[in-house]
Amino acid sequence: MSGLKRKKMGKRIRFSLFALVATSVAAAPLRAQLVREDKPSQAPQGKGVAQKPEAAAEQPPAGKRRISQEIQLTGEQLWSDTGIDVQPGEHIAVTASGKMRYADAKEDNGPEGIPRGFKDLLRILPFNGAGRGALMGRVGDADIAQPFLLGVHRDVVAPVGGRLAIGINQTDDDTGDGTYKVHIEIYAADPHAAYRVARQVRDISGVDANLFSKIPRHIADKEGNPGDMVNFLIIGSESAMQKTFTNAGWVQVDADVAGTVLHGILESISKESYLTMPMSPLYLFGRPQDYGWAHAEPLKVVASRNHLRIWKAPFDVQGQTLWIGAATHDVGFE
């Protein structure tokens, strides 16, 4: 398959490495520069947000309610700023009602959205895990925050702090006829939660200029030609590192290319087949990656895939295993 290659758009981050301490299962997106979890925890469900079990969905959060607000969304609005700033671990409890109608749809839909069918597979939505017209939320910077489903009723835990926005799951040029009435309540973090949201810290002992001086700035191919930049570190055991990614929805990818590329292309409509398509071996410290991980939203995988390679460093950080990685982003096939 020499004529086939992936187009890649590397995230060109300067050499200010992202460092995370993988002491347990990470629940929040891997975004903070310096992150440490306070103690081992149980990973919540979902991608980047913790959701209450369905059986307990009607029970108010245990923390004190500090905000109650109502917002109306019209069909031409993709995102709307609520004016609410939330803190990591706070509960965002949302109840929505109303109807929306798209010109090419057969019937009205509510905040739960239109069920996705085969003809809708190629429509790329802000949150591809839900249908067109679904109510969704987002916390933090619009460029990096991951949308999450709100629907008719949802209680989610903010994975990071930031401004809360709500929106309608539709494309930029899409317009629905109708309105949603959205009631939002913000509750303080539950002090008895089974997990702790990762907190940002100013520094990590042993992660300093001396450590950075030992790490090459770029990974390379077999001939030594420089490639993507090294842009994150993980400190922790091998099992903790694996749990961090698997519980955040990442899939481990085999580096062995033989016999698998064509299979992945033919079945690229499937999330699993595209995600597990192998990565070419690249080199750091004179050897190919120890692990490859891939991630993409459901249904969007035909168009794009985030992936990263990780090497175990030949030195540690104060007795703890150090993993060094380079993350890139596939934008399609060529």
C-alpha atoms as a PDB file:
ATOM      1  CA  MET A   1       0.000   0.000   0.000  1.00  0.00           C
ATOM      2  CA  SER A   2       2.828   2.398  -0.847  1.00  0.00           C
ATOM      3  CA  GLY A   3       0.390   4.793  -2.543  1.00  0.00           C
ATOM      4  CA  LEU A   4      -1.617   5.281   0.620  1.00  0.00           C
ATOM      5  CA  LYS A   5      -0.672   7.637   3.354  1.00  0.00           C
ATOM      6  CA  ARG A   6      -2.424   9.666   5.993  1.00  0.00           C
ATOM      7  CA  LYS A   7      -2.456  13.421   5.809  1.00  0.00           C
ATOM      8  CA  LYS A   8      -1.256  14.762   9.135  1.00  0.00           C
ATOM      9  CA  MET A   9      -1.517  18.129  10.750  1.00  0.00           C
ATOM     10  CA  GLY A  10       0.725  18.106  13.792  1.00  0.00           C
ATOM     11  CA  LYS A  11      -0.167  20.348  16.685  1.00  0.00           C
ATOM     12  CA  ARG A  12       3.007  22.420  16.645  1.00  0.00           C
ATOM     13  CA  ILE A  13       3.483  23.226  20.288  1.00  0.00           C
ATOM     14  CA  ARG A  14       6.657  24.967  21.374  1.00  0.00           C
ATOM     15  CA  PHE A  15       8.968  23.102  23.676  1.00  0.00           C
ATOM     16  CA  SER A  16       7.023  23.886  26.825  1.00  0.00           C
ATOM     17  CA  LEU A  17       6.055  20.323  27.606  1.00  0.00           C
ATOM     18  CA  PHE A  18       2.755  19.243  29.049  1.00  0.00           C
ATOM     19  CA  ALA A  19       3.363  17.078  32.112  1.00  0.00           C
ATOM     20  CA  LEU A  20       0.813  14.880  33.841  1.00  0.00           C
ATOM     21  CA  VAL A  21       1.085  12.601  36.827  1.00  0.00           C
ATOM     22  CA  ALA A  22      -0.761   9.342  36.118  1.00  0.00           C
ATOM     23  CA  THR A  23      -1.357   8.232  39.687  1.00  0.00           C
ATOM     24  CA  SER A  24      -4.814   6.862  38.888  1.00  0.00           C
ATOM     25  CA  VAL A  25      -7.534   6.878  36.248  1.00  0.00           C
ATOM     26  CA  ALA A  26      -7.879  10.297  34.659  1.00  0.00           C
ATOM     27  CA  ALA A  27     -11.455  11.525  34.352  1.00  0.00           C
ATOM     28  CA  ALA A  28     -10.831  14.933  32.828  1.00  0.00           C
ATOM     29  CA  PRO A  29      -9.518  15.663  29.305  1.00  0.00           C
ATOM     30  CA  LEU A  30      -5.731  15.608  29.174  1.00  0.00           C
ATOM     31  CA  ARG A  31      -5.347  19.370  28.847  1.00  0.00           C
ATOM     32  CA  ALA A  32      -3.873  20.929  31.967  1.00  0.00           C
ATOM     33  CA  GLN A  33      -0.161  21.713  31.792  1.00  0.00           C
ATOM     34  CA  LEU A  34       0.673  20.362  35.219  1.00  0.00           C
ATOM     35  CA  VAL A  35      -1.871  17.966  36.664  1.00  0.00           C
ATOM     36  CA  ARG A  36      -1.898  15.684  39.658  1.00  0.00           C
ATOM     37  CA  GLU A  37      -4.848  13.732  41.050  1.00  0.00           C
ATOM     38  CA  ASP A  38      -5.126  13.871  44.809  1.00  0.00           C
ATOM     39  CA  LYS A  39      -5.804  10.180  45.343  1.00  0.00           C
ATOM     40  CA  PRO A  40      -6.831   7.031  43.413  1.00  0.00           C
ATOM     41  CA  SER A  41     -10.359   7.282  42.170  1.00  0.00           C
ATOM     42  CA  GLN A  42     -13.107   5.648  40.224  1.00  0.00           C
ATOM     43  CA  ALA A  43     -13.407   6.931  36.683  1.00  0.00           C
ATOM     44  CA  PRO A  44     -16.778   8.433  35.783  1.00  0.00           C
ATOM     45  CA  GLN A  45     -18.628   7.597  32.614  1.00  0.00           C
ATOM     46  CA  GLY A  46     -18.452   9.763  29.527  1.00  0.00           C
ATOM     47  CA  LYS A  47     -15.711  11.687  27.768  1.00  0.00           C
ATOM     48  CA  GLY A  48     -14.346  14.345  30.007  1.00  0.00           C
ATOM     49  CA  VAL A  49     -17.504  14.761  32.111  1.00  0.00           C
ATOM     50  CA  ALA A  50     -18.905  12.664  34.913  1.00  0.00           C
ATOM     51  CA  GLN A  51     -22.540  11.674  34.585  1.00  0.00           C
ATOM     52  CA  LYS A  52     -24.835  10.464  37.320  1.00  0.00           C
ATOM     53  CA  PRO A  53     -26.434   7.037  36.980  1.00  0.00           C
ATOM     54  CA  GLU A  54     -29.836   7.125  35.302  1.00  0.00           C
ATOM     55  CA  ALA A  55     -31.530   5.802  38.421  1.00  0.00           C
ATOM     56  CA  ALA A  56     -30.273   8.807  40.365  1.00  0.00           C
ATOM     57  CA  ALA A  57     -30.799  11.396  37.626  1.00  0.00           C
ATOM     58  CA  GLU A  58     -33.800  12.996  39.375  1.00  0.00           C
ATOM     59  CA  GLN A  59     -32.002  13.337  42.705  1.00  0.00           C
ATOM     60  CA  PRO A  60     -30.494  16.809  43.256  1.00  0.00           C
ATOM     61  CA  PRO A  61     -26.711  16.921  43.736  1.00  0.00           C
ATOM     62  CA  ALA A  62     -25.449  16.757  47.301  1.00  0.00           C
ATOM     63  CA  GLY A  63     -23.655  20.117  47.143  1.00  0.00           C
ATOM     64  CA  LYS A  64     -25.247  23.499  47.813  1.00  0.00           C
ATOM     65  CA  ARG A  65     -27.004  25.160  44.882  1.00  0.00           C
ATOM     66  CA  ARG A  66     -25.396  28.492  44.058  1.00  0.00           C
ATOM     67  CA  ILE A  67     -26.908  29.445  40.671  1.00  0.00           C
ATOM     68  CA  SER A  68     -30.337  28.987  39.067  1.00  0.00           C
ATOM     69  CA  GLN A  69     -30.859  30.485  35.635  1.00  0.00           C
ATOM     70  CA  GLU A  70     -33.119  30.095  32.593  1.00  0.00           C
ATOM     71  CA  ILE A  71     -31.997  30.633  29.014  1.00  0.00           C
ATOM     72  CA  GLN A  72     -33.869  30.457  25.709  1.00  0.00           C
ATOM     73  CA  LEU A  73     -32.110  29.148  22.591  1.00  0.00           C
ATOM     74  CA  THR A  74     -33.366  29.758  19.062  1.00  0.00           C
ATOM     75  CA  GLY A  75     -32.663  27.546  16.079  1.00  0.00           C
ATOM     76  CA  GLU A  76     -30.050  29.782  14.476  1.00  0.00           C
ATOM     77  CA  GLN A  77     -27.799  29.710  17.540  1.00  0.00           C
ATOM     78  CA  LEU A  78     -24.953  27.215  17.518  1.00  0.00           C
ATOM     79  CA  TRP A  79     -23.456  28.271  20.869  1.00  0.00           C
ATOM     80  CA  SER A  80     -24.713  30.682  23.514  1.00  0.00           C
ATOM     81  CA  ASP A  81     -22.665  32.101  26.403  1.00  0.00           C
ATOM     82  CA  THR A  82     -24.560  31.508  29.649  1.00  0.00           C
ATOM     83  CA  GLY A  83     -22.489  34.028  31.583  1.00  0.00           C
ATOM     84  CA  ILE A  84     -21.891  31.320  34.203  1.00  0.00           C
ATOM     85  CA  ASP A  85     -18.396  30.432  35.367  1.00  0.00           C
ATOM     86  CA  VAL A  86     -18.085  26.972  36.904  1.00  0.00           C
ATOM     87  CA  GLN A  87     -15.334  25.402  38.984  1.00  0.00           C
ATOM     88  CA  PRO A  88     -13.872  21.895  38.516  1.00  0.00           C
ATOM     89  CA  GLY A  89     -16.084  19.313  40.226  1.00  0.00           C
ATOM     90  CA  GLU A  90     -19.214  21.456  40.325  1.00  0.00           C
ATOM     91  CA  HIS A  91     -22.473  19.901  39.113  1.00  0.00           C
ATOM     92  CA  ILE A  92     -24.210  21.366  36.068  1.00  0.00           C
ATOM     93  CA  ALA A  93     -27.864  20.275  36.271  1.00  0.00           C
ATOM     94  CA  VAL A  94     -29.872  21.075  33.143  1.00  0.00           C
ATOM     95  CA  THR A  95     -33.525  20.549  32.239  1.00  0.00           C
ATOM     96  CA  ALA A  96     -34.696  21.539  28.757  1.00  0.00           C
ATOM     97  CA  SER A  97     -37.961  21.648  26.828  1.00  0.00           C
ATOM     98  CA  GLY A  98     -39.167  22.879  23.462  1.00  0.00           C
ATOM     99  CA  LYS A  99     -39.266  21.820  19.826  1.00  0.00           C
ATOM    100  CA  MET A 100     -37.092  22.355  16.787  1.00  0.00           C
ATOM    101  CA  ARG A 101     -37.823  21.600  13.132  1.00  0.00           C
ATOM    102  CA  TYR A 102     -35.282  21.299  10.316  1.00  0.00           C
ATOM    103  CA  ALA A 103     -36.437  21.896   6.760  1.00  0.00           C
ATOM    104  CA  ASP A 104     -35.263  18.483   5.548  1.00  0.00           C
ATOM    105  CA  ALA A 105     -36.520  16.576   8.616  1.00  0.00           C
ATOM    106  CA  LYS A 106     -39.699  14.510   8.630  1.00  0.00           C
ATOM    107  CA  GLU A 107     -40.848  15.667  12.052  1.00  0.00           C
ATOM    108  CA  ASP A 108     -40.085  17.969  14.973  1.00  0.00           C
ATOM    109  CA  ASN A 109     -37.399  17.093  17.468  1.00  0.00           C
ATOM    110  CA  GLY A 110     -36.771  18.053  21.076  1.00  0.00           C
ATOM    111  CA  PRO A 111     -33.554  18.693  23.028  1.00  0.00           C
ATOM    112  CA  GLU A 112     -32.694  14.988  22.723  1.00  0.00           C
ATOM    113  CA  GLY A 113     -32.056  15.513  19.000  1.00  0.00           C
ATOM    114  CA  ILE A 114     -32.887  13.518  15.888  1.00  0.00           C
ATOM    115  CA  PRO A 115     -31.719   9.866  15.954  1.00  0.00           C
ATOM    116  CA  ARG A 116     -28.778   9.394  13.602  1.00  0.00           C
ATOM    117  CA  GLY A 117     -29.260   7.016  10.701  1.00  0.00           C
ATOM    118  CA  PHE A 118     -27.125   5.695   7.870  1.00  0.00           C
ATOM    119  CA  LYS A 119     -27.843   8.710   5.613  1.00  0.00           C
ATOM    120  CA  ASP A 120     -26.644  10.999   8.354  1.00  0.00           C
ATOM    121  CA  LEU A 121     -23.248   9.345   8.862  1.00  0.00           C
ATOM    122  CA  LEU A 122     -21.291  11.897   6.853  1.00  0.00           C
ATOM    123  CA  ARG A 123     -22.749  14.918   8.628  1.00  0.00           C
ATOM    124  CA  ILE A 124     -20.044  16.251  10.962  1.00  0.00           C
ATOM    125  CA  LEU A 125     -21.594  17.750  14.089  1.00  0.00           C
ATOM    126  CA  PRO A 126     -19.968  19.477  17.075  1.00  0.00           C
ATOM    127  CA  PHE A 127     -20.885  16.432  19.193  1.00  0.00           C
ATOM    128  CA  ASN A 128     -21.115  13.365  16.967  1.00  0.00           C
ATOM    129  CA  GLY A 129     -22.218  11.107  19.802  1.00  0.00           C
ATOM    130  CA  ALA A 130     -25.695  12.656  19.660  1.00  0.00           C
ATOM    131  CA  GLY A 131     -28.213  13.543  16.971  1.00  0.00           C
ATOM    132  CA  ARG A 132     -28.755  16.753  15.104  1.00  0.00           C
ATOM    133  CA  GLY A 133     -30.628  19.305  17.159  1.00  0.00           C
ATOM    134  CA  ALA A 134     -29.584  17.865  20.542  1.00  0.00           C
ATOM    135  CA  LEU A 135     -28.852  20.277  23.365  1.00  0.00           C
ATOM    136  CA  MET A 136     -25.167  20.233  24.320  1.00  0.00           C
ATOM    137  CA  GLY A 137     -22.800  21.995  26.705  1.00  0.00           C
ATOM    138  CA  ARG A 138     -19.183  23.089  26.833  1.00  0.00           C
ATOM    139  CA  VAL A 139     -16.910  24.383  29.620  1.00  0.00           C
ATOM    140  CA  GLY A 140     -13.865  26.518  28.958  1.00  0.00           C
ATOM    141  CA  ASP A 141     -12.031  27.765  25.891  1.00  0.00           C
ATOM    142  CA  ALA A 142     -14.038  27.185  22.716  1.00  0.00           C
ATOM    143  CA  ASP A 143     -10.928  26.109  20.793  1.00  0.00           C
ATOM    144  CA  ILE A 144     -10.109  23.171  23.066  1.00  0.00           C
ATOM    145  CA  ALA A 145     -13.190  22.404  25.189  1.00  0.00           C
ATOM    146  CA  GLN A 146     -14.979  19.147  24.361  1.00  0.00           C
ATOM    147  CA  PRO A 147     -18.777  19.397  23.941  1.00  0.00           C
ATOM    148  CA  PHE A 148     -20.965  17.051  25.980  1.00  0.00           C
ATOM    149  CA  LEU A 149     -24.597  16.010  25.666  1.00  0.00           C
ATOM    150  CA  LEU A 150     -27.232  17.669  27.837  1.00  0.00           C
ATOM    151  CA  GLY A 151     -30.452  16.588  26.107  1.00  0.00           C
ATOM    152  CA  VAL A 152     -33.732  16.875  28.006  1.00  0.00           C
ATOM    153  CA  HIS A 153     -32.240  16.354  31.446  1.00  0.00           C
ATOM    154  CA  ARG A 154     -28.654  15.812  32.533  1.00  0.00           C
ATOM    155  CA  ASP A 155     -26.450  16.292  35.558  1.00  0.00           C
ATOM    156  CA  VAL A 156     -22.777  16.500  34.619  1.00  0.00           C
ATOM    157  CA  VAL A 157     -19.689  17.294  36.651  1.00  0.00           C
ATOM    158  CA  ALA A 158     -17.444  20.020  35.259  1.00  0.00           C
ATOM    159  CA  PRO A 159     -14.056  18.418  34.462  1.00  0.00           C
ATOM    160  CA  VAL A 160     -12.328  21.798  34.372  1.00  0.00           C
ATOM    161  CA  GLY A 161     -13.122  25.345  35.385  1.00  0.00           C
ATOM    162  CA  GLY A 162     -14.313  27.948  32.916  1.00  0.00           C
ATOM    163  CA  ARG A 163     -17.247  29.645  31.245  1.00  0.00           C
ATOM    164  CA  LEU A 164     -20.278  27.455  30.539  1.00  0.00           C
ATOM    165  CA  ALA A 165     -21.778  27.626  27.064  1.00  0.00           C
ATOM    166  CA  ILE A 166     -24.805  25.730  25.769  1.00  0.00           C
ATOM    167  CA  GLY A 167     -25.606  25.056  22.161  1.00  0.00           C
ATOM    168  CA  ILE A 168     -27.576  23.159  19.559  1.00  0.00           C
ATOM    169  CA  ASN A 169     -25.856  20.220  17.895  1.00  0.00           C
ATOM    170  CA  GLN A 170     -25.896  21.401  14.303  1.00  0.00           C
ATOM    171  CA  THR A 171     -23.511  22.625  11.619  1.00  0.00           C
ATOM    172  CA  ASP A 172     -22.595  26.280  11.167  1.00  0.00           C
ATOM    173  CA  ASP A 173     -24.867  26.647   8.151  1.00  0.00           C
ATOM    174  CA  ASP A 174     -27.799  24.741   9.670  1.00  0.00           C
ATOM    175  CA  THR A 175     -30.874  26.443  11.106  1.00  0.00           C
ATOM    176  CA  GLY A 176     -33.713  24.915  13.039  1.00  0.00           C
ATOM    177  CA  ASP A 177     -37.139  26.519  13.347  1.00  0.00           C
ATOM    178  CA  GLY A 178     -38.092  26.693  17.009  1.00  0.00           C
ATOM    179  CA  THR A 179     -36.779  27.353  20.508  1.00  0.00           C
ATOM    180  CA  TYR A 180     -35.516  25.484  23.549  1.00  0.00           C
ATOM    181  CA  LYS A 181     -36.123  26.691  27.080  1.00  0.00           C
ATOM    182  CA  VAL A 182     -33.159  25.642  29.226  1.00  0.00           C
ATOM    183  CA  HIS A 183     -33.114  25.740  33.025  1.00  0.00           C
ATOM    184  CA  ILE A 184     -29.587  25.586  34.481  1.00  0.00           C
ATOM    185  CA  GLU A 185     -28.619  24.989  38.102  1.00  0.00           C
ATOM    186  CA  ILE A 186     -25.054  24.942  39.400  1.00  0.00           C
ATOM    187  CA  TYR A 187     -24.275  22.997  42.565  1.00  0.00           C
ATOM    188  CA  ALA A 188     -21.082  22.979  44.604  1.00  0.00           C
ATOM    189  CA  ALA A 189     -18.791  19.966  44.241  1.00  0.00           C
ATOM    190  CA  ASP A 190     -19.853  16.919  46.233  1.00  0.00           C
ATOM    191  CA  PRO A 191     -17.322  16.489  49.072  1.00  0.00           C
ATOM    192  CA  HIS A 192     -18.162  12.772  49.281  1.00  0.00           C
ATOM    193  CA  ALA A 193     -17.683  11.978  45.580  1.00  0.00           C
ATOM    194  CA  ALA A 194     -15.944   8.677  44.792  1.00  0.00           C
ATOM    195  CA  TYR A 195     -13.377  10.482  42.650  1.00  0.00           C
ATOM    196  CA  ARG A 196     -11.520  13.795  42.624  1.00  0.00           C
ATOM    197  CA  VAL A 197     -11.273  16.084  39.638  1.00  0.00           C
ATOM    198  CA  ALA A 198      -7.643  16.626  38.647  1.00  0.00           C
ATOM    199  CA  ARG A 199      -6.324  19.924  39.907  1.00  0.00           C
ATOM    200  CA  GLN A 200      -3.819  22.235  38.272  1.00  0.00           C
ATOM    201  CA  VAL A 201      -0.560  22.797  40.139  1.00  0.00           C
ATOM    202  CA  ARG A 202       2.250  25.270  39.557  1.00  0.00           C
ATOM    203  CA  ASP A 203       5.055  22.731  39.410  1.00  0.00           C
ATOM    204  CA  ILE A 204       5.925  19.061  39.759  1.00  0.00           C
ATOM    205  CA  SER A 205       9.024  18.075  41.660  1.00  0.00           C
ATOM    206  CA  GLY A 206      11.736  16.919  39.259  1.00  0.00           C
ATOM    207  CA  VAL A 207      10.097  18.428  36.163  1.00  0.00           C
ATOM    208  CA  ASP A 208      12.476  21.263  35.387  1.00  0.00           C
ATOM    209  CA  ALA A 209      14.963  22.624  32.867  1.00  0.00           C
ATOM    210  CA  ASN A 210      17.457  19.884  33.723  1.00  0.00           C
ATOM    211  CA  LEU A 211      14.900  17.219  32.777  1.00  0.00           C
ATOM    212  CA  PHE A 212      13.934  19.007  29.559  1.00  0.00           C
ATOM    213  CA  SER A 213      17.589  19.186  28.519  1.00  0.00           C
ATOM    214  CA  LYS A 214      17.679  15.368  28.375  1.00  0.00           C
ATOM    215  CA  ILE A 215      14.698  15.103  26.013  1.00  0.00           C
ATOM    216  CA  PRO A 216      15.033  15.560  22.237  1.00  0.00           C
ATOM    217  CA  ARG A 217      12.749  18.222  20.821  1.00  0.00           C
ATOM    218  CA  HIS A 218      11.578  16.135  17.863  1.00  0.00           C
ATOM    219  CA  ILE A 219      10.827  12.532  17.109  1.00  0.00           C
ATOM    220  CA  ALA A 220      12.350  11.172  13.886  1.00  0.00           C
ATOM    221  CA  ASP A 221      11.930   8.544  11.206  1.00  0.00           C
ATOM    222  CA  LYS A 222      14.299   5.597  10.817  1.00  0.00           C
ATOM    223  CA  GLU A 223      16.732   7.692   8.786  1.00  0.00           C
ATOM    224  CA  GLY A 224      16.892  10.356  11.486  1.00  0.00           C
ATOM    225  CA  ASN A 225      14.834  12.998   9.683  1.00  0.00           C
ATOM    226  CA  PRO A 226      13.062  15.145  12.314  1.00  0.00           C
ATOM    227  CA  GLY A 227       9.287  14.928  12.583  1.00  0.00           C
ATOM    228  CA  ASP A 228       6.652  16.072  15.051  1.00  0.00           C
ATOM    229  CA  MET A 229       7.635  17.810  18.251  1.00  0.00           C
ATOM    230  CA  VAL A 230       7.676  16.104  21.607  1.00  0.00           C
ATOM    231  CA  ASN A 231       4.828  17.858  23.437  1.00  0.00           C
ATOM    232  CA  PHE A 232       3.810  16.017  26.605  1.00  0.00           C
ATOM    233  CA  LEU A 233       5.143  13.972  29.516  1.00  0.00           C
ATOM    234  CA  ILE A 234       3.406  11.470  31.790  1.00  0.00           C
ATOM    235  CA  ILE A 235       4.820  10.449  35.150  1.00  0.00           C
ATOM    236  CA  GLY A 236       3.539   7.182  36.604  1.00  0.00           C
ATOM    237  CA  SER A 237       3.510   3.419  36.322  1.00  0.00           C
ATOM    238  CA  GLU A 238       2.815   1.615  33.078  1.00  0.00           C
ATOM    239  CA  SER A 239      -0.564   0.366  34.310  1.00  0.00           C
ATOM    240  CA  ALA A 240      -1.593   3.846  35.486  1.00  0.00           C
ATOM    241  CA  MET A 241      -0.614   5.308  32.113  1.00  0.00           C
ATOM    242  CA  GLN A 242      -2.688   2.675  30.295  1.00  0.00           C
ATOM    243  CA  LYS A 243      -5.729   3.285  32.511  1.00  0.00           C
ATOM    244  CA  THR A 244      -5.417   7.020  31.983  1.00  0.00           C
ATOM    245  CA  PHE A 245      -5.934   6.636  28.245  1.00  0.00           C
ATOM    246  CA  THR A 246      -8.371   3.718  28.094  1.00  0.00           C
ATOM    247  CA  ASN A 247     -10.736   5.342  30.580  1.00  0.00           C
ATOM    248  CA  ALA A 248     -10.611   8.592  28.632  1.00  0.00           C
ATOM    249  CA  GLY A 249     -11.805   6.758  25.497  1.00  0.00           C
ATOM    250  CA  TRP A 250      -8.472   6.181  23.740  1.00  0.00           C
ATOM    251  CA  VAL A 251      -7.686   2.954  21.898  1.00  0.00           C
ATOM    252  CA  GLN A 252      -4.273   1.284  21.878  1.00  0.00           C
ATOM    253  CA  VAL A 253      -2.925   0.919  18.351  1.00  0.00           C
ATOM    254  CA  ASP A 254      -0.610  -1.806  17.083  1.00  0.00           C
ATOM    255  CA  ALA A 255       2.527  -0.519  15.388  1.00  0.00           C
ATOM    256  CA  ASP A 256       2.635  -3.501  12.993  1.00  0.00           C
ATOM    257  CA  VAL A 257       1.453  -2.206   9.609  1.00  0.00           C
ATOM    258  CA  ALA A 258       1.528  -5.429   7.611  1.00  0.00           C
ATOM    259  CA  GLY A 259      -1.857  -6.631   6.387  1.00  0.00           C
ATOM    260  CA  THR A 260      -3.958  -4.117   8.303  1.00  0.00           C
ATOM    261  CA  VAL A 261      -4.076  -0.880   6.304  1.00  0.00           C
ATOM    262  CA  LEU A 262      -6.431  -2.165   3.595  1.00  0.00           C
ATOM    263  CA  HIS A 263      -8.689  -3.724   6.221  1.00  0.00           C
ATOM    264  CA  GLY A 264      -8.936  -0.382   7.987  1.00  0.00           C
ATOM    265  CA  ILE A 265      -9.761   1.505   4.795  1.00  0.00           C
ATOM    266  CA  LEU A 266     -12.497  -0.932   3.779  1.00  0.00           C
ATOM    267  CA  GLU A 267     -14.106  -0.756   7.189  1.00  0.00           C
ATOM    268  CA  SER A 268     -13.395   2.865   8.025  1.00  0.00           C
ATOM    269  CA  ILE A 269     -17.094   3.489   8.600  1.00  0.00           C
ATOM    270  CA  SER A 270     -16.532   1.652  11.883  1.00  0.00           C
ATOM    271  CA  LYS A 271     -15.012   3.589  14.762  1.00  0.00           C
ATOM    272  CA  GLU A 272     -12.959   0.641  15.962  1.00  0.00           C
ATOM    273  CA  SER A 273     -11.479  -0.276  12.592  1.00  0.00           C
ATOM    274  CA  TYR A 274     -10.329   3.247  11.834  1.00  0.00           C
ATOM    275  CA  LEU A 275      -9.003   3.933  15.297  1.00  0.00           C
ATOM    276  CA  THR A 276      -6.941   0.757  15.385  1.00  0.00           C
ATOM    277  CA  MET A 277      -5.332   1.334  11.994  1.00  0.00           C
ATOM    278  CA  PRO A 278      -1.617   1.114  12.758  1.00  0.00           C
ATOM    279  CA  MET A 279       0.744   4.023  13.116  1.00  0.00           C
ATOM    280  CA  SER A 280       4.057   4.021  11.344  1.00  0.00           C
ATOM    281  CA  PRO A 281       7.024   3.505  13.692  1.00  0.00           C
ATOM    282  CA  LEU A 282       8.810   6.722  14.584  1.00  0.00           C
ATOM    283  CA  TYR A 283      11.877   7.004  16.782  1.00  0.00           C
ATOM    284  CA  LEU A 284      12.968   8.617  20.032  1.00  0.00           C
ATOM    285  CA  PHE A 285      16.042   7.635  22.028  1.00  0.00           C
ATOM    286  CA  GLY A 286      17.004   5.442  19.063  1.00  0.00           C
ATOM    287  CA  ARG A 287      13.950   3.155  19.146  1.00  0.00           C
ATOM    288  CA  PRO A 288      10.320   3.100  17.901  1.00  0.00           C
ATOM    289  CA  GLN A 289       7.402   4.034  20.148  1.00  0.00           C
ATOM    290  CA  ASP A 290       6.426   1.725  23.001  1.00  0.00           C
ATOM    291  CA  TYR A 291       2.739   2.630  22.731  1.00  0.00           C
ATOM    292  CA  GLY A 292       0.412   4.175  20.204  1.00  0.00           C
ATOM    293  CA  TRP A 293      -3.002   5.580  21.178  1.00  0.00           C
ATOM    294  CA  ALA A 294      -5.836   6.908  19.010  1.00  0.00           C
ATOM    295  CA  HIS A 295      -9.008   8.818  19.737  1.00  0.00           C
ATOM    296  CA  ALA A 296     -11.914  10.210  17.724  1.00  0.00           C
ATOM    297  CA  GLU A 297     -15.567  11.040  18.154  1.00  0.00           C
ATOM    298  CA  PRO A 298     -18.090   8.414  16.952  1.00  0.00           C
ATOM    299  CA  LEU A 299     -19.029   8.842  13.267  1.00  0.00           C
ATOM    300  CA  LYS A 300     -16.352  11.497  12.769  1.00  0.00           C
ATOM    301  CA  VAL A 301     -13.577   8.946  12.542  1.00  0.00           C
ATOM    302  CA  VAL A 302     -13.779   8.730   8.753  1.00  0.00           C
ATOM    303  CA  ALA A 303     -12.677  12.355   8.597  1.00  0.00           C
ATOM    304  CA  SER A 304     -10.194  12.683  11.414  1.00  0.00           C
ATOM    305  CA  ARG A 305      -8.321  10.887  14.153  1.00  0.00           C
ATOM    306  CA  ASN A 306      -6.189  12.177  16.997  1.00  0.00           C
ATOM    307  CA  HIS A 307      -3.260   9.948  17.783  1.00  0.00           C
ATOM    308  CA  LEU A 308      -0.102   9.931  19.812  1.00  0.00           C
ATOM    309  CA  ARG A 309       3.026   7.902  20.364  1.00  0.00           C
ATOM    310  CA  ILE A 310       4.646   7.271  23.724  1.00  0.00           C
ATOM    311  CA  TRP A 311       8.173   6.199  24.655  1.00  0.00           C
ATOM    312  CA  LYS A 312       9.413   5.060  28.050  1.00  0.00           C
ATOM    313  CA  ALA A 313      12.301   7.362  28.930  1.00  0.00           C
ATOM    314  CA  PRO A 314      15.716   5.818  29.710  1.00  0.00           C
ATOM    315  CA  PHE A 315      15.699   7.863  32.949  1.00  0.00           C
ATOM    316  CA  ASP A 316      13.116   8.467  35.658  1.00  0.00           C
ATOM    317  CA  VAL A 317      11.794  11.387  37.685  1.00  0.00           C
ATOM    318  CA  GLN A 318      12.635  10.915  41.361  1.00  0.00           C
ATOM    319  CA  GLY A 319      12.133   7.169  41.133  1.00  0.00           C
ATOM    320  CA  GLN A 320       8.965   7.331  39.036  1.00  0.00           C
ATOM    321  CA  THR A 321       8.639   6.097  35.447  1.00  0.00           C
ATOM    322  CA  LEU A 322       8.664   8.847  32.842  1.00  0.00           C
ATOM    323  CA  TRP A 323       6.733   8.527  29.559  1.00  0.00           C
ATOM    324  CA  ILE A 324       7.437  10.941  26.726  1.00  0.00           C
ATOM    325  CA  GLY A 325       4.989  11.516  23.913  1.00  0.00           C
ATOM    326  CA  ALA A 326       4.199  13.281  20.667  1.00  0.00           C
ATOM    327  CA  ALA A 327       0.577  13.924  19.695  1.00  0.00           C
ATOM    328  CA  THR A 328      -0.633  14.560  16.152  1.00  0.00           C
ATOM    329  CA  HIS A 329      -3.942  14.844  14.330  1.00  0.00           C
ATOM    330  CA  ASP A 330      -5.047  12.999  11.175  1.00  0.00           C
ATOM    331  CA  VAL A 331      -7.245  15.100   8.909  1.00  0.00           C
ATOM    332  CA  GLY A 332      -8.138  12.327   6.449  1.00  0.00           C
ATOM    333  CA  PHE A 333      -6.725   9.991   3.842  1.00  0.00           C
ATOM    334  CA  GLU A 334      -4.683  10.875   0.802  1.00  0.00           C
END
